[in-house]
């Protein structure tokens, strides 16, 4: 089972970003929470992972964030780096669109493709369960894509389903925490840093609710809290 090297990679990269690339401001998260947790992030940039990890450390202090990532099966280079991503707390999930890449790579048998997806997603489900049992945080981006210009419709709710089922089965509360990184305009000068407002929103209750209702509430919270780049610049 993977164990993230958090302090070296996530913390260092977030500090580097805050010092050299961004003028980072964190809003919310003053109330200290305890794990296990499901952290639901808006995906706008490659920097979202260290920034969301920073939010997790701010709110939960001692727990580690484990991030879902797209499957790199079939990538010539990135496919060889999966071990490094896993070493740092990432784990792969496979979506139907990933099968297209595998087909282009020469795997055409439908049963073989289905078997690969079942194996990858089965390992992902086991990892999510293990993380919750440890009292740590599972972080994922339910849009299923990276979109810096808007909050796209939230699609993925299986992670929420699993967290709610875990709560019913164990009687242990799982904090569902939305986190929204909002990026300002790109500066015209290399010597100016881009503004980023990292908004840690109020936790969403999952008790007695279904996953789609929880996801709809998170969508509404994201839509209300989202700021355009010009608004971030003036914030």
Protein backbone atom coordinates (compact mmCIF):
# COMPACT_ATOMS: atom_id res chain seq x y z
CA UNK A 1 0.00 0.00 0.00
CA UNK A 2 1.37 3.41 -0.94
CA UNK A 3 2.61 5.85 1.70
CA UNK A 4 3.03 9.48 0.65
CA UNK A 5 6.32 11.31 1.22
CA UNK A 6 4.27 14.36 2.08
CA UNK A 7 6.59 16.71 3.92
CA UNK A 8 9.26 16.60 1.22
CA UNK A 9 7.16 16.93 -1.92
CA UNK A 10 3.80 18.59 -1.25
CA UNK A 11 4.95 21.01 1.41
CA UNK A 12 8.11 21.99 -0.48
CA UNK A 13 6.31 22.52 -3.78
CA UNK A 14 3.55 24.56 -2.11
CA UNK A 15 6.14 26.78 -0.43
CA UNK A 16 8.06 27.24 -3.67
CA UNK A 17 4.82 28.17 -5.44
CA UNK A 18 3.86 30.62 -2.71
CA UNK A 19 7.26 32.32 -2.73
CA UNK A 20 8.19 32.39 -6.41
CA UNK A 21 5.10 31.85 -8.55
CA UNK A 22 2.07 33.08 -6.62
CA UNK A 23 0.83 35.59 -4.12
CA UNK A 24 -1.17 33.02 -2.18
CA UNK A 25 -3.98 33.89 0.18
CA UNK A 26 -5.89 31.19 2.08
CA UNK A 27 -9.47 32.00 3.04
CA UNK A 28 -11.35 29.85 5.55
CA UNK A 29 -10.18 26.76 7.37
CA UNK A 30 -9.78 28.44 10.76
CA UNK A 31 -11.81 25.71 12.41
CA UNK A 32 -9.66 22.65 13.08
CA UNK A 33 -11.15 19.34 11.92
CA UNK A 34 -10.21 15.71 12.38
CA UNK A 35 -10.02 12.90 9.83
CA UNK A 36 -10.98 10.80 8.05
CA UNK A 37 -11.88 13.18 5.26
CA UNK A 38 -12.97 13.39 1.64
CA UNK A 39 -11.58 16.60 0.13
CA UNK A 40 -13.40 17.71 -3.03
CA UNK A 41 -11.36 20.13 -5.13
CA UNK A 42 -11.96 22.35 -8.13
CA UNK A 43 -9.32 21.52 -10.78
CA UNK A 44 -7.97 24.61 -12.52
CA UNK A 45 -4.20 24.14 -12.70
CA UNK A 46 -1.32 21.71 -12.29
CA UNK A 47 -0.61 23.62 -9.07
CA UNK A 48 -3.92 22.53 -7.53
CA UNK A 49 -2.43 19.42 -5.95
CA UNK A 50 0.20 21.11 -3.75
CA UNK A 51 -2.20 23.98 -2.99
CA UNK A 52 -5.04 21.65 -1.96
CA UNK A 53 -2.53 19.64 0.05
CA UNK A 54 -1.62 22.85 1.84
CA UNK A 55 -5.31 23.39 2.65
CA UNK A 56 -5.55 19.86 4.05
CA UNK A 57 -2.57 20.46 6.29
CA UNK A 58 -4.06 23.77 7.46
CA UNK A 59 -7.41 22.28 8.43
CA UNK A 60 -6.45 18.79 9.60
CA UNK A 61 -2.85 19.41 10.68
CA UNK A 62 -1.50 15.88 10.96
CA UNK A 63 -3.23 13.82 8.32
CA UNK A 64 -1.84 13.12 4.87
CA UNK A 65 -3.65 13.87 1.60
CA UNK A 66 -3.85 11.08 -0.97
CA UNK A 67 -4.75 12.24 -4.48
CA UNK A 68 -6.65 10.47 -7.21
CA UNK A 69 -4.94 10.92 -10.56
CA UNK A 70 -5.75 10.02 -14.11
CA UNK A 71 -4.47 6.67 -15.24
CA UNK A 72 -1.19 6.90 -17.15
CA UNK A 73 -1.46 3.38 -18.51
CA UNK A 74 -0.38 3.48 -22.13
CA UNK A 75 1.74 6.64 -21.84
CA UNK A 76 5.31 5.94 -23.05
CA UNK A 77 6.98 8.17 -20.42
CA UNK A 78 4.44 8.92 -17.69
CA UNK A 79 3.45 5.27 -17.57
CA UNK A 80 6.97 4.53 -16.32
CA UNK A 81 6.64 7.15 -13.58
CA UNK A 82 3.53 5.72 -11.92
CA UNK A 83 5.67 4.32 -9.10
CA UNK A 84 6.95 7.82 -8.28
CA UNK A 85 3.44 9.30 -8.23
CA UNK A 86 2.26 6.48 -5.98
CA UNK A 87 5.25 7.01 -3.72
CA UNK A 88 4.02 10.58 -3.25
CA UNK A 89 0.44 9.67 -2.38
CA UNK A 90 -1.14 9.49 -5.82
CA UNK A 91 -3.23 6.59 -7.04
CA UNK A 92 -4.74 5.96 -10.45
CA UNK A 93 -8.37 5.78 -11.50
CA UNK A 94 -9.40 4.79 -14.99
CA UNK A 95 -12.28 6.39 -16.89
CA UNK A 96 -13.85 5.25 -20.19
CA UNK A 97 -11.87 7.93 -22.08
CA UNK A 98 -8.65 6.23 -20.93
CA UNK A 99 -9.64 3.14 -22.88
CA UNK A 100 -9.41 5.10 -26.13
CA UNK A 101 -5.70 5.66 -25.53
CA UNK A 102 -5.19 1.97 -24.81
CA UNK A 103 -6.97 1.09 -28.04
CA UNK A 104 -4.67 3.41 -29.96
CA UNK A 105 -1.77 1.68 -28.24
CA UNK A 106 -2.79 -1.65 -29.73
CA UNK A 107 -5.11 -3.24 -27.14
CA UNK A 108 -8.30 -3.92 -29.07
CA UNK A 109 -9.85 -6.84 -27.20
CA UNK A 110 -12.88 -5.52 -25.28
CA UNK A 111 -12.63 -8.08 -22.49
CA UNK A 112 -8.97 -7.27 -21.94
CA UNK A 113 -9.79 -3.55 -21.77
CA UNK A 114 -12.59 -4.18 -19.27
CA UNK A 115 -10.26 -6.33 -17.17
CA UNK A 116 -7.65 -3.55 -17.04
CA UNK A 117 -10.27 -1.01 -15.95
CA UNK A 118 -11.67 -3.34 -13.28
CA UNK A 119 -8.19 -3.99 -11.91
CA UNK A 120 -7.15 -0.31 -11.78
CA UNK A 121 -10.43 0.90 -10.30
CA UNK A 122 -10.56 -2.01 -7.87
CA UNK A 123 -7.13 -1.02 -6.56
CA UNK A 124 -8.30 2.61 -6.34
CA UNK A 125 -11.35 1.63 -4.28
CA UNK A 126 -9.17 -0.43 -1.93
CA UNK A 127 -6.79 2.53 -1.55
CA UNK A 128 -9.63 4.95 -0.73
CA UNK A 129 -10.91 2.56 1.91
CA UNK A 130 -7.43 2.15 3.38
CA UNK A 131 -6.93 5.93 3.54
CA UNK A 132 -10.21 6.45 5.41
CA UNK A 133 -9.35 3.68 7.83
CA UNK A 134 -6.02 5.40 8.52
CA UNK A 135 -7.88 8.60 9.33
CA UNK A 136 -6.29 10.46 6.42
CA UNK A 137 -7.80 12.43 3.53
CA UNK A 138 -8.78 11.26 0.05
CA UNK A 139 -8.62 14.19 -2.39
CA UNK A 140 -10.26 14.15 -5.80
CA UNK A 141 -11.45 16.51 -8.54
CA UNK A 142 -15.00 15.56 -9.59
CA UNK A 143 -15.08 17.64 -12.78
CA UNK A 144 -13.02 14.94 -14.46
CA UNK A 145 -11.00 17.55 -16.32
CA UNK A 146 -8.94 20.67 -15.73
CA UNK A 147 -10.74 23.94 -16.52
CA UNK A 148 -9.19 27.26 -15.39
CA UNK A 149 -12.01 29.43 -16.73
CA UNK A 150 -15.06 28.17 -14.89
CA UNK A 151 -16.49 25.56 -12.56
CA UNK A 152 -17.46 22.76 -14.89
CA UNK A 153 -20.32 20.40 -13.98
CA UNK A 154 -19.26 18.00 -11.25
CA UNK A 155 -19.57 14.44 -12.52
CA UNK A 156 -17.81 11.93 -10.32
CA UNK A 157 -19.70 10.82 -7.22
CA UNK A 158 -18.43 7.26 -6.65
CA UNK A 159 -15.90 8.55 -4.12
CA UNK A 160 -18.73 10.19 -2.19
CA UNK A 161 -20.81 7.00 -2.39
CA UNK A 162 -17.94 5.02 -0.90
CA UNK A 163 -17.43 7.56 1.89
CA UNK A 164 -21.13 7.53 2.79
CA UNK A 165 -21.17 3.72 2.76
CA UNK A 166 -18.11 3.71 5.01
CA UNK A 167 -19.91 6.02 7.46
CA UNK A 168 -22.96 3.73 7.60
CA UNK A 169 -20.85 0.61 7.95
CA UNK A 170 -18.46 1.85 10.64
CA UNK A 171 -20.44 4.61 12.35
CA UNK A 172 -17.38 6.82 11.87
CA UNK A 173 -17.89 10.33 10.52
CA UNK A 174 -16.12 11.34 7.31
CA UNK A 175 -15.65 15.09 6.82
CA UNK A 176 -16.57 16.15 3.28
CA UNK A 177 -14.63 19.34 2.61
CA UNK A 178 -14.90 21.43 -0.61
CA UNK A 179 -11.76 23.37 -1.56
CA UNK A 180 -11.77 25.96 -4.35
CA UNK A 181 -8.53 27.41 -5.79
CA UNK A 182 -9.22 30.65 -7.72
CA UNK A 183 -6.41 32.02 -9.89
CA UNK A 184 -5.89 35.64 -10.85
CA UNK A 185 -4.78 36.96 -14.23
CA UNK A 186 -1.39 35.93 -15.55
CA UNK A 187 1.04 38.78 -14.88
CA UNK A 188 2.62 40.46 -17.88
CA UNK A 189 5.97 40.73 -16.15
CA UNK A 190 8.14 37.78 -15.15
CA UNK A 191 8.94 39.61 -11.93
CA UNK A 192 5.35 39.73 -10.73
CA UNK A 193 3.59 36.84 -9.05
CA UNK A 194 0.13 35.63 -9.95
CA UNK A 195 -2.52 36.01 -7.28
CA UNK A 196 -4.21 32.86 -6.00
CA UNK A 197 -7.09 32.74 -3.54
CA UNK A 198 -7.46 29.31 -1.97
CA UNK A 199 -10.98 29.14 -0.56
CA UNK A 200 -11.63 26.44 2.04
CA UNK A 201 -15.41 26.17 2.14
CA UNK A 202 -17.68 24.87 4.88
CA UNK A 203 -17.87 21.06 5.24
CA UNK A 204 -20.88 19.38 3.64
CA UNK A 205 -22.90 16.92 5.69
CA UNK A 206 -23.29 13.42 4.30
CA UNK A 207 -25.40 11.95 7.08
CA UNK A 208 -28.60 10.34 5.78
CA UNK A 209 -28.05 11.64 2.23
CA UNK A 210 -27.23 10.12 -1.12
CA UNK A 211 -24.07 10.91 -3.07
CA UNK A 212 -25.73 12.89 -5.85
CA UNK A 213 -27.42 15.23 -3.35
CA UNK A 214 -24.06 15.84 -1.66
CA UNK A 215 -22.42 16.48 -5.04
CA UNK A 216 -25.19 18.93 -5.98
CA UNK A 217 -24.58 20.88 -2.76
CA UNK A 218 -20.85 21.03 -3.50
CA UNK A 219 -21.61 22.24 -7.04
CA UNK A 220 -23.76 25.03 -5.62
CA UNK A 221 -21.05 25.99 -3.11
CA UNK A 222 -18.40 26.11 -5.86
CA UNK A 223 -20.61 28.19 -8.13
CA UNK A 224 -21.29 30.74 -5.38
CA UNK A 225 -17.66 31.00 -4.25
CA UNK A 226 -16.01 31.02 -7.70
CA UNK A 227 -14.17 34.22 -8.62
CA UNK A 228 -13.11 35.32 -12.08
CA UNK A 229 -9.40 36.22 -12.49
CA UNK A 230 -10.19 39.95 -12.41
CA UNK A 231 -12.05 39.48 -9.13
CA UNK A 232 -9.13 37.57 -7.63
CA UNK A 233 -6.78 40.39 -8.65
CA UNK A 234 -8.98 42.91 -6.85
CA UNK A 235 -9.76 40.70 -3.83
